[in-house]
């Protein structure tokens, strides 16, 4: 889903297959934003532009909230030529250049110009460049951008830079902010302004969102002990097929035994609704099960298939299940989990 401009007057809107309210619900789970509580007023989003603008407004307002309390600061090592002594004098450098009146010093500066804030500034800039329609949202984004500008350097960042960052009691509230930044940067075009093509305003990879949503939903219910205790959820497990490690599989989801570590289920999400699975998809999940020594192989779809599969081949139970994303997401997940465990084995 997304918006792709063709010219100044024309563009293509890719509408999602699900309701916008459920997209917010999927984002909340997939990006682990449960504690963020950013969904107030989400039911007012009736069109695609509202969806993107609502998230942009939430991020900008959260940045302004942090600006009022003060942006996160930390000590950063600096080396500068100064007219006074600060920190430690670089004696060797000074002896090699005795004619210089300035003093080279090594010191630490307490500054807000750190990656935590630079990520926010870069993301707000990328959002501003998309041409948001509502003036109120544009004004909020500009205000948040200017709150950081001047204090924080504008440096390019990618979605990967928002992941696995270190947080402490002084900046733990930055984690949900960086999670939203990750969303915007993942759905934007390249970070570097090169080439003959302009950055697309936004494009959400729904297949990836569906995959993340299912994985994080299962992880959350494992943490709440709603999954059987003996099962552990693993995501994006890489399995090498040769000794040289040049060939590998990335398996979407693996459920393994807590006690033995043996794989109980391999699962693969498919954000499409064919009448029946393709031969390639079936071969893929059988290959996953074979390499993991697993007897349960499951293809997951967002809607029930006209011709679902449920058969055994070479000791592997292959089937299709539905994790519905139309209607109540929690009910869809509970129905999926019930079918997965009831029919397993």
Protein backbone atom coordinates (compact mmCIF):
# COMPACT_ATOMS: atom_id res chain seq x y z
CA UNK A 1 0.00 0.00 0.00
CA UNK A 2 1.17 3.56 -0.50
CA UNK A 3 1.27 6.58 -2.75
CA UNK A 4 3.46 6.90 -5.85
CA UNK A 5 3.54 10.30 -7.62
CA UNK A 6 3.64 10.20 -11.41
CA UNK A 7 3.64 13.93 -12.10
CA UNK A 8 2.63 17.16 -10.42
CA UNK A 9 -1.02 16.35 -11.13
CA UNK A 10 -1.17 12.56 -11.16
CA UNK A 11 -0.31 9.80 -8.72
CA UNK A 12 -1.14 6.19 -7.91
CA UNK A 13 -2.67 5.22 -4.59
CA UNK A 14 -2.23 1.56 -3.64
CA UNK A 15 -5.12 0.76 -1.32
CA UNK A 16 -4.62 -2.00 1.27
CA UNK A 17 -6.80 -5.10 1.35
CA UNK A 18 -7.63 -4.51 5.00
CA UNK A 19 -9.32 -1.70 6.86
CA UNK A 20 -7.08 1.16 7.96
CA UNK A 21 -8.04 0.59 11.59
CA UNK A 22 -6.60 -2.93 11.35
CA UNK A 23 -3.43 -1.59 9.76
CA UNK A 24 -2.90 0.45 12.91
CA UNK A 25 -3.51 -2.66 14.98
CA UNK A 26 -0.96 -4.62 12.91
CA UNK A 27 1.59 -1.82 13.24
CA UNK A 28 1.06 -1.67 16.99
CA UNK A 29 1.92 -5.37 17.30
CA UNK A 30 4.51 -5.71 14.51
CA UNK A 31 6.59 -2.74 15.68
CA UNK A 32 6.09 -3.59 19.37
CA UNK A 33 4.32 -0.33 20.12
CA UNK A 34 1.87 -1.70 22.68
CA UNK A 35 3.22 0.54 25.43
CA UNK A 36 3.31 3.58 23.15
CA UNK A 37 -0.49 4.00 23.24
CA UNK A 38 -0.49 6.06 20.07
CA UNK A 39 -3.84 4.97 18.71
CA UNK A 40 -6.05 7.65 20.21
CA UNK A 41 -8.34 8.88 17.46
CA UNK A 42 -7.21 6.26 14.95
CA UNK A 43 -10.79 5.55 13.90
CA UNK A 44 -10.87 8.99 12.26
CA UNK A 45 -8.53 7.76 9.50
CA UNK A 46 -10.82 7.01 6.58
CA UNK A 47 -8.41 7.26 3.62
CA UNK A 48 -4.84 6.27 2.91
CA UNK A 49 -3.41 9.77 3.32
CA UNK A 50 -4.92 9.96 6.81
CA UNK A 51 -3.05 6.79 7.79
CA UNK A 52 0.36 8.20 6.91
CA UNK A 53 -0.42 11.67 8.21
CA UNK A 54 -1.68 10.32 11.52
CA UNK A 55 1.59 8.48 12.18
CA UNK A 56 3.62 11.54 11.11
CA UNK A 57 1.62 13.75 13.47
CA UNK A 58 2.12 11.31 16.37
CA UNK A 59 5.89 11.23 15.85
CA UNK A 60 6.14 15.02 15.55
CA UNK A 61 4.05 15.61 18.67
CA UNK A 62 6.13 13.13 20.65
CA UNK A 63 9.31 14.92 19.56
CA UNK A 64 7.81 18.23 20.70
CA UNK A 65 6.91 16.67 24.06
CA UNK A 66 10.54 15.63 24.45
CA UNK A 67 11.72 19.11 23.40
CA UNK A 68 9.76 20.63 26.28
CA UNK A 69 11.53 18.40 28.80
CA UNK A 70 14.88 18.61 27.03
CA UNK A 71 16.46 16.36 24.43
CA UNK A 72 18.71 13.55 25.55
CA UNK A 73 22.31 14.63 26.05
CA UNK A 74 25.49 12.67 26.66
CA UNK A 75 29.24 13.25 26.74
CA UNK A 76 30.97 13.01 23.37
CA UNK A 77 34.79 13.03 22.89
CA UNK A 78 36.04 16.13 21.04
CA UNK A 79 39.42 17.40 19.81
CA UNK A 80 39.70 21.12 19.04
CA UNK A 81 42.15 23.99 18.71
CA UNK A 82 41.23 26.36 21.56
CA UNK A 83 42.50 29.65 22.97
CA UNK A 84 42.16 28.24 26.47
CA UNK A 85 42.79 24.92 28.18
CA UNK A 86 39.88 22.51 28.28
CA UNK A 87 40.21 18.90 29.30
CA UNK A 88 43.58 17.39 28.40
CA UNK A 89 46.27 19.22 26.41
CA UNK A 90 47.72 17.32 23.46
CA UNK A 91 51.33 17.88 24.59
CA UNK A 92 52.92 16.05 21.68
CA UNK A 93 51.00 18.07 19.13
CA UNK A 94 51.86 21.32 20.94
CA UNK A 95 55.61 20.53 21.10
CA UNK A 96 55.69 19.71 17.39
CA UNK A 97 54.10 23.10 16.58
CA UNK A 98 55.41 25.55 19.24
CA UNK A 99 54.71 28.57 17.02
CA UNK A 100 50.95 28.04 17.27
CA UNK A 101 49.21 30.13 19.88
CA UNK A 102 46.11 27.94 19.97
CA UNK A 103 46.10 24.85 22.15
CA UNK A 104 44.91 21.47 20.92
CA UNK A 105 42.81 19.89 23.64
CA UNK A 106 41.02 16.59 24.08
CA UNK A 107 37.82 16.91 26.10
CA UNK A 108 34.29 15.63 26.44
CA UNK A 109 31.35 17.81 25.52
CA UNK A 110 27.89 17.39 26.98
CA UNK A 111 25.76 17.67 23.85
CA UNK A 112 22.42 16.77 22.30
CA UNK A 113 24.09 16.30 18.90
CA UNK A 114 24.07 12.51 19.18
CA UNK A 115 22.64 9.75 16.95
CA UNK A 116 19.53 9.35 19.11
CA UNK A 117 18.44 12.88 18.16
CA UNK A 118 19.97 12.86 14.67
CA UNK A 119 17.70 9.92 13.75
CA UNK A 120 14.67 12.00 14.75
CA UNK A 121 15.82 15.01 12.73
CA UNK A 122 16.56 12.96 9.60
CA UNK A 123 13.21 11.16 9.78
CA UNK A 124 11.27 14.41 10.19
CA UNK A 125 13.09 15.81 7.16
CA UNK A 126 12.15 12.74 5.10
CA UNK A 127 8.52 13.08 6.18
CA UNK A 128 8.47 16.80 5.33
CA UNK A 129 9.74 16.04 1.82
CA UNK A 130 6.79 13.75 1.09
CA UNK A 131 4.38 16.65 0.76
CA UNK A 132 1.83 15.90 3.46
CA UNK A 133 -1.57 17.23 2.51
CA UNK A 134 -2.94 18.63 5.75
CA UNK A 135 -1.48 21.99 6.73
CA UNK A 136 -1.94 21.25 10.44
CA UNK A 137 0.22 18.13 10.15
CA UNK A 138 2.81 19.91 8.01
CA UNK A 139 3.03 22.67 10.61
CA UNK A 140 3.52 20.16 13.44
CA UNK A 141 6.25 18.32 11.53
CA UNK A 142 8.00 21.62 10.71
CA UNK A 143 7.79 22.74 14.35
CA UNK A 144 9.34 19.46 15.54
CA UNK A 145 12.04 19.71 12.89
CA UNK A 146 12.96 23.26 13.92
CA UNK A 147 13.02 22.23 17.59
CA UNK A 148 15.91 19.91 16.72
CA UNK A 149 17.53 21.98 13.97
CA UNK A 150 20.52 24.02 15.06
CA UNK A 151 21.14 21.82 18.07
CA UNK A 152 21.41 18.56 16.12
CA UNK A 153 23.36 17.87 12.92
CA UNK A 154 21.47 16.62 9.86
CA UNK A 155 22.97 13.21 9.09
CA UNK A 156 21.50 10.45 6.88
CA UNK A 157 20.24 7.32 8.63
CA UNK A 158 18.57 4.09 7.52
CA UNK A 159 15.88 1.95 9.11
CA UNK A 160 18.55 -0.47 10.35
CA UNK A 161 20.10 2.32 12.42
CA UNK A 162 16.90 2.44 14.49
CA UNK A 163 17.20 -1.20 15.59
CA UNK A 164 19.08 -2.67 18.56
CA UNK A 165 20.07 0.65 20.02
CA UNK A 166 21.15 0.98 23.64
CA UNK A 167 18.83 2.76 26.05
CA UNK A 168 19.11 3.81 29.67
CA UNK A 169 16.89 5.55 32.22
CA UNK A 170 17.62 8.93 30.56
CA UNK A 171 16.58 7.98 27.04
CA UNK A 172 14.32 4.94 27.38
CA UNK A 173 11.40 6.99 26.01
CA UNK A 174 13.32 7.25 22.72
CA UNK A 175 12.71 3.57 21.93
CA UNK A 176 9.13 4.02 20.65
CA UNK A 177 10.22 7.18 18.81
CA UNK A 178 12.96 5.26 17.00
CA UNK A 179 10.48 2.49 16.26
CA UNK A 180 8.26 4.97 14.43
CA UNK A 181 11.34 6.38 12.69
CA UNK A 182 12.17 2.86 11.56
CA UNK A 183 8.70 2.55 10.05
CA UNK A 184 9.01 5.80 8.09
CA UNK A 185 12.56 5.09 6.89
CA UNK A 186 11.65 1.54 5.84
CA UNK A 187 8.77 2.82 3.75
CA UNK A 188 10.76 5.68 2.18
CA UNK A 189 13.14 5.68 -0.74
CA UNK A 190 16.94 5.71 -0.58
CA UNK A 191 18.57 7.93 2.04
CA UNK A 192 21.17 9.42 -0.30
CA UNK A 193 20.11 12.10 -2.74
CA UNK A 194 21.71 10.61 -5.83
CA UNK A 195 20.51 9.41 -9.19
CA UNK A 196 17.76 10.65 -11.48
CA UNK A 197 14.75 9.50 -9.45
CA UNK A 198 13.02 11.28 -6.60
CA UNK A 199 12.24 9.60 -3.31
CA UNK A 200 8.74 8.10 -3.19
CA UNK A 201 6.47 9.63 -0.56
CA UNK A 202 5.70 6.29 1.08
CA UNK A 203 5.21 2.64 0.28
CA UNK A 204 4.35 0.07 2.94
CA UNK A 205 5.47 -3.49 2.24
CA UNK A 206 2.31 -5.28 3.36
CA UNK A 207 3.87 -8.74 2.99
CA UNK A 208 6.64 -7.74 5.40
CA UNK A 209 4.15 -6.07 7.77
CA UNK A 210 1.99 -9.21 7.80
CA UNK A 211 5.05 -11.37 8.49
CA UNK A 212 6.18 -9.11 11.37
CA UNK A 213 2.66 -8.92 12.78
CA UNK A 214 2.16 -12.70 12.95
CA UNK A 215 5.63 -13.20 14.46
CA UNK A 216 5.25 -10.51 17.12
CA UNK A 217 1.70 -11.64 17.96
CA UNK A 218 3.01 -15.13 18.67
CA UNK A 219 5.93 -13.75 20.71
CA UNK A 220 3.58 -11.59 22.77
CA UNK A 221 1.32 -14.54 23.52
CA UNK A 222 4.32 -16.67 24.40
CA UNK A 223 5.34 -14.00 26.94
CA UNK A 224 1.79 -14.06 28.33
CA UNK A 225 2.04 -17.88 28.53
CA UNK A 226 -0.92 -18.32 26.16
CA UNK A 227 1.23 -20.56 23.98
CA UNK A 228 2.03 -24.01 25.39
CA UNK A 229 4.96 -23.61 27.76
CA UNK A 230 7.06 -26.17 25.95
CA UNK A 231 7.08 -24.10 22.73
CA UNK A 232 9.45 -21.22 21.95
CA UNK A 233 9.01 -18.76 19.05
CA UNK A 234 11.99 -17.97 16.81
CA UNK A 235 11.87 -15.60 13.83
CA UNK A 236 13.90 -15.29 10.64
CA UNK A 237 16.07 -18.30 11.46
CA UNK A 238 18.90 -18.71 8.98
CA UNK A 239 19.75 -22.30 8.08
CA UNK A 240 22.89 -23.01 6.03
CA UNK A 241 22.69 -25.82 3.50
CA UNK A 242 26.39 -26.38 2.76
CA UNK A 243 29.65 -26.39 4.67
CA UNK A 244 30.86 -23.29 2.83
CA UNK A 245 27.76 -21.42 4.11
CA UNK A 246 27.11 -20.02 0.65
CA UNK A 247 23.54 -21.39 0.46
CA UNK A 248 20.97 -20.73 3.13
CA UNK A 249 17.27 -20.48 3.99
CA UNK A 250 15.65 -17.72 6.06
CA UNK A 251 12.64 -19.33 7.74
CA UNK A 252 9.91 -16.85 8.75
CA UNK A 253 8.83 -18.63 11.92
CA UNK A 254 9.97 -21.64 13.89
CA UNK A 255 8.30 -23.10 16.98
CA UNK A 256 10.74 -25.28 18.86
CA UNK A 257 10.74 -27.28 22.08
CA UNK A 258 11.98 -25.37 25.12
CA UNK A 259 13.43 -28.56 26.59
CA UNK A 260 15.09 -30.26 23.63
CA UNK A 261 15.54 -27.41 21.13
CA UNK A 262 14.00 -29.62 18.45
CA UNK A 263 11.81 -27.86 15.89
CA UNK A 264 8.11 -28.67 16.29
CA UNK A 265 6.67 -26.40 13.55
CA UNK A 266 7.98 -24.40 10.61
CA UNK A 267 5.65 -21.63 9.44
CA UNK A 268 5.76 -19.29 6.45
CA UNK A 269 3.48 -16.25 5.99
CA UNK A 270 2.03 -15.50 2.57
CA UNK A 271 0.32 -12.14 2.08
CA UNK A 272 -1.82 -13.24 -0.85
CA UNK A 273 -5.14 -15.00 -1.38
CA UNK A 274 -4.88 -17.55 -4.20
CA UNK A 275 -7.45 -20.33 -4.61
CA UNK A 276 -4.76 -22.78 -3.48
CA UNK A 277 -1.04 -22.56 -2.67
CA UNK A 278 1.40 -22.59 -5.56
CA UNK A 279 3.66 -25.58 -6.11
CA UNK A 280 6.64 -23.31 -5.35
CA UNK A 281 5.22 -22.29 -1.95
CA UNK A 282 4.49 -25.91 -1.04
CA UNK A 283 7.96 -27.00 -2.13
CA UNK A 284 9.47 -24.17 -0.08
CA UNK A 285 7.75 -25.12 3.19
CA UNK A 286 8.54 -28.82 2.67
CA UNK A 287 12.20 -27.90 2.16
CA UNK A 288 12.13 -25.87 5.40
CA UNK A 289 10.65 -28.81 7.31
CA UNK A 290 13.12 -31.25 5.78
CA UNK A 291 16.21 -29.23 6.64
CA UNK A 292 14.92 -28.69 10.22
CA UNK A 293 13.90 -32.31 10.71
CA UNK A 294 10.35 -31.17 11.48
CA UNK A 295 7.05 -32.99 10.86
CA UNK A 296 4.75 -29.92 10.88
CA UNK A 297 4.89 -27.47 7.94
CA UNK A 298 2.33 -24.63 7.80
CA UNK A 299 1.61 -21.92 5.22
CA UNK A 300 -0.25 -18.94 6.74
CA UNK A 301 -2.62 -16.74 4.71
CA UNK A 302 -4.63 -13.62 5.65
CA UNK A 303 -7.89 -15.06 4.26
CA UNK A 304 -9.30 -18.60 3.97
CA UNK A 305 -8.35 -20.29 0.71
CA UNK A 306 -10.97 -21.81 -1.60
CA UNK A 307 -8.88 -24.97 -1.81
CA UNK A 308 -6.90 -25.34 1.42
CA UNK A 309 -4.28 -28.06 1.79
CA UNK A 310 -3.91 -30.72 4.48
CA UNK A 311 -1.81 -33.74 3.50
CA UNK A 312 1.26 -35.74 4.45
CA UNK A 313 4.33 -36.39 2.35
CA UNK A 314 7.45 -38.24 3.49
CA UNK A 315 6.34 -37.96 7.11
CA UNK A 316 5.71 -34.19 6.89
CA UNK A 317 2.27 -32.81 7.68
CA UNK A 318 1.68 -29.93 5.20
CA UNK A 319 -1.29 -27.63 5.63
CA UNK A 320 -2.62 -24.13 5.13
CA UNK A 321 -4.05 -22.02 7.96
CA UNK A 322 -5.58 -18.56 8.20
CA UNK A 323 -4.46 -15.71 10.45
CA UNK A 324 -7.28 -13.35 9.53
CA UNK A 325 -6.59 -9.61 9.51
CA UNK A 326 -10.16 -8.61 8.65
CA UNK A 327 -12.31 -7.95 11.68
CA UNK A 328 -10.97 -8.40 15.19
CA UNK A 329 -7.23 -9.13 15.04
CA UNK A 330 -7.11 -10.84 18.43
CA UNK A 331 -9.95 -13.18 17.51
CA UNK A 332 -8.22 -13.95 14.22
CA UNK A 333 -5.03 -14.80 16.07
CA UNK A 334 -6.78 -16.99 18.65
CA UNK A 335 -8.57 -18.93 15.90
CA UNK A 336 -5.25 -19.43 14.07
CA UNK A 337 -3.47 -20.63 17.21
CA UNK A 338 -6.31 -22.99 18.11
CA UNK A 339 -6.24 -24.58 14.65
CA UNK A 340 -2.46 -24.78 14.65
CA UNK A 341 -2.28 -26.66 17.95
CA UNK A 342 -5.45 -28.76 17.53
CA UNK A 343 -4.49 -30.15 14.13
CA UNK A 344 -0.76 -30.43 14.85
CA UNK A 345 0.83 -33.87 14.78
